[in-house]
Amino acid sequence: LWFKENCNPYEDEILPAAPAELVTELAWRYVF
């Protein structure tokens, strides 16, 4: 997963901005 490779939620208070494509993909997954 992109987030596992690019950020650590337990150490980073501010998560790095995810690529638009990933955001769109996750959004569609949640919608359907």
PDB file of N, CA and C in Angstrom:
ATOM      1  N   LEU A   1       0.841  -1.195   0.000  1.00  0.00           N
ATOM      2  CA  LEU A   1       0.000   0.000   0.000  1.00  0.00           C
ATOM      3  C   LEU A   1       0.876   1.245   0.000  1.00  0.00           C
ATOM      4  N   TRP A   2       0.391   2.279  -0.675  1.00  0.00           N
ATOM      5  CA  TRP A   2       1.172   3.508  -0.779  1.00  0.00           C
ATOM      6  C   TRP A   2       1.460   4.105   0.606  1.00  0.00           C
ATOM      7  N   PHE A   3       0.440   4.122   1.442  1.00  0.00           N
ATOM      8  CA  PHE A   3       0.620   4.742   2.752  1.00  0.00           C
ATOM      9  C   PHE A   3       1.632   4.001   3.612  1.00  0.00           C
ATOM     10  N   LYS A   4       1.623   2.670   3.524  1.00  0.00           N
ATOM     11  CA  LYS A   4       2.582   1.894   4.316  1.00  0.00           C
ATOM     12  C   LYS A   4       4.006   2.187   3.873  1.00  0.00           C
ATOM     13  N   GLU A   5       4.184   2.470   2.582  1.00  0.00           N
ATOM     14  CA  GLU A   5       5.530   2.700   2.055  1.00  0.00           C
ATOM     15  C   GLU A   5       5.988   4.142   2.247  1.00  0.00           C
ATOM     16  N   ASN A   6       5.048   5.069   2.370  1.00  0.00           N
ATOM     17  CA  ASN A   6       5.425   6.479   2.366  1.00  0.00           C
ATOM     18  C   ASN A   6       5.189   7.237   3.669  1.00  0.00           C
ATOM     19  N   CYS A   7       4.510   6.636   4.623  1.00  0.00           N
ATOM     20  CA  CYS A   7       4.292   7.375   5.861  1.00  0.00           C
ATOM     21  C   CYS A   7       4.099   6.428   7.035  1.00  0.00           C
ATOM     22  N   ASN A   8       4.376   6.946   8.212  1.00  0.00           N
ATOM     23  CA  ASN A   8       4.173   6.165   9.423  1.00  0.00           C
ATOM     24  C   ASN A   8       3.219   6.966  10.308  1.00  0.00           C
ATOM     25  N   PRO A   9       1.957   6.576  10.377  1.00  0.00           N
ATOM     26  CA  PRO A   9       0.947   7.333  11.125  1.00  0.00           C
ATOM     27  C   PRO A   9       1.291   7.468  12.605  1.00  0.00           C
ATOM     28  N   TYR A  10       2.141   6.569  13.104  1.00  0.00           N
ATOM     29  CA  TYR A  10       2.490   6.631  14.518  1.00  0.00           C
ATOM     30  C   TYR A  10       3.611   7.631  14.783  1.00  0.00           C
ATOM     31  N   GLU A  11       4.329   8.020  13.735  1.00  0.00           N
ATOM     32  CA  GLU A  11       5.428   8.970  13.911  1.00  0.00           C
ATOM     33  C   GLU A  11       5.162  10.298  13.216  1.00  0.00           C
ATOM     34  N   ASP A  12       4.445  10.252  12.107  1.00  0.00           N
ATOM     35  CA  ASP A  12       4.184  11.487  11.362  1.00  0.00           C
ATOM     36  C   ASP A  12       2.849  12.092  11.786  1.00  0.00           C
ATOM     37  N   GLU A  13       2.899  13.309  12.325  1.00  0.00           N
ATOM     38  CA  GLU A  13       1.656  13.958  12.718  1.00  0.00           C
ATOM     39  C   GLU A  13       0.886  14.397  11.484  1.00  0.00           C
ATOM     40  N   ILE A  14       1.643  14.828  10.477  1.00  0.00           N
ATOM     41  CA  ILE A  14       1.004  15.262   9.235  1.00  0.00           C
ATOM     42  C   ILE A  14       1.341  14.251   8.152  1.00  0.00           C
ATOM     43  N   LEU A  15       0.327  13.564   7.634  1.00  0.00           N
ATOM     44  CA  LEU A  15       0.572  12.557   6.608  1.00  0.00           C
ATOM     45  C   LEU A  15       0.912  13.229   5.286  1.00  0.00           C
ATOM     46  N   PRO A  16       1.850  12.657   4.536  1.00  0.00           N
ATOM     47  CA  PRO A  16       2.194  13.225   3.229  1.00  0.00           C
ATOM     48  C   PRO A  16       0.997  13.170   2.298  1.00  0.00           C
ATOM     49  N   ALA A  17       0.909  14.126   1.408  1.00  0.00           N
ATOM     50  CA  ALA A  17      -0.212  14.174   0.476  1.00  0.00           C
ATOM     51  C   ALA A  17      -0.161  12.967  -0.450  1.00  0.00           C
ATOM     52  N   ALA A  18      -1.280  12.278  -0.542  1.00  0.00           N
ATOM     53  CA  ALA A  18      -1.336  11.100  -1.404  1.00  0.00           C
ATOM     54  C   ALA A  18      -1.541  11.531  -2.852  1.00  0.00           C
ATOM     55  N   PRO A  19      -1.016  10.750  -3.787  1.00  0.00           N
ATOM     56  CA  PRO A  19      -1.223  11.048  -5.207  1.00  0.00           C
ATOM     57  C   PRO A  19      -2.711  11.094  -5.527  1.00  0.00           C
ATOM     58  N   ALA A  20      -3.103  11.967  -6.437  1.00  0.00           N
ATOM     59  CA  ALA A  20      -4.513  12.119  -6.789  1.00  0.00           C
ATOM     60  C   ALA A  20      -5.118  10.793  -7.233  1.00  0.00           C
ATOM     61  N   GLU A  21      -4.330   9.995  -7.947  1.00  0.00           N
ATOM     62  CA  GLU A  21      -4.864   8.723  -8.437  1.00  0.00           C
ATOM     63  C   GLU A  21      -5.227   7.805  -7.279  1.00  0.00           C
ATOM     64  N   LEU A  22      -4.391   7.790  -6.249  1.00  0.00           N
ATOM     65  CA  LEU A  22      -4.672   6.936  -5.099  1.00  0.00           C
ATOM     66  C   LEU A  22      -5.920   7.422  -4.374  1.00  0.00           C
ATOM     67  N   VAL A  23      -6.010   8.731  -4.187  1.00  0.00           N
ATOM     68  CA  VAL A  23      -7.176   9.292  -3.506  1.00  0.00           C
ATOM     69  C   VAL A  23      -8.444   8.925  -4.253  1.00  0.00           C
ATOM     70  N   THR A  24      -8.401   9.060  -5.583  1.00  0.00           N
ATOM     71  CA  THR A  24      -9.573   8.731  -6.391  1.00  0.00           C
ATOM     72  C   THR A  24      -9.915   7.257  -6.262  1.00  0.00           C
ATOM     73  N   GLU A  25      -8.896   6.408  -6.303  1.00  0.00           N
ATOM     74  CA  GLU A  25      -9.134   4.966  -6.209  1.00  0.00           C
ATOM     75  C   GLU A  25      -9.768   4.620  -4.867  1.00  0.00           C
ATOM     76  N   LEU A  26      -9.230   5.172  -3.792  1.00  0.00           N
ATOM     77  CA  LEU A  26      -9.784   4.878  -2.472  1.00  0.00           C
ATOM     78  C   LEU A  26     -11.206   5.412  -2.360  1.00  0.00           C
ATOM     79  N   ALA A  27     -11.445   6.591  -2.927  1.00  0.00           N
ATOM     80  CA  ALA A  27     -12.777   7.180  -2.872  1.00  0.00           C
ATOM     81  C   ALA A  27     -13.787   6.267  -3.550  1.00  0.00           C
ATOM     82  N   TRP A  28     -13.436   5.753  -4.729  1.00  0.00           N
ATOM     83  CA  TRP A  28     -14.355   4.863  -5.447  1.00  0.00           C
ATOM     84  C   TRP A  28     -14.591   3.588  -4.659  1.00  0.00           C
ATOM     85  N   ARG A  29     -13.551   3.086  -3.994  1.00  0.00           N
ATOM     86  CA  ARG A  29     -13.708   1.852  -3.216  1.00  0.00           C
ATOM     87  C   ARG A  29     -14.673   2.069  -2.063  1.00  0.00           C
ATOM     88  N   TYR A  30     -14.601   3.242  -1.429  1.00  0.00           N
ATOM     89  CA  TYR A  30     -15.500   3.508  -0.310  1.00  0.00           C
ATOM     90  C   TYR A  30     -16.928   3.742  -0.784  1.00  0.00           C
ATOM     91  N   VAL A  31     -17.067   4.378  -1.950  1.00  0.00           N
ATOM     92  CA  VAL A  31     -18.403   4.677  -2.474  1.00  0.00           C
ATOM     93  C   VAL A  31     -19.127   3.393  -2.832  1.00  0.00           C
ATOM     94  N   PHE A  32     -18.414   2.464  -3.490  1.00  0.00           N
ATOM     95  CA  PHE A  32     -19.063   1.220  -3.910  1.00  0.00           C
ATOM     96  C   PHE A  32     -18.671   0.086  -2.983  1.00  0.00           C
TER      97      PHE A  32
END
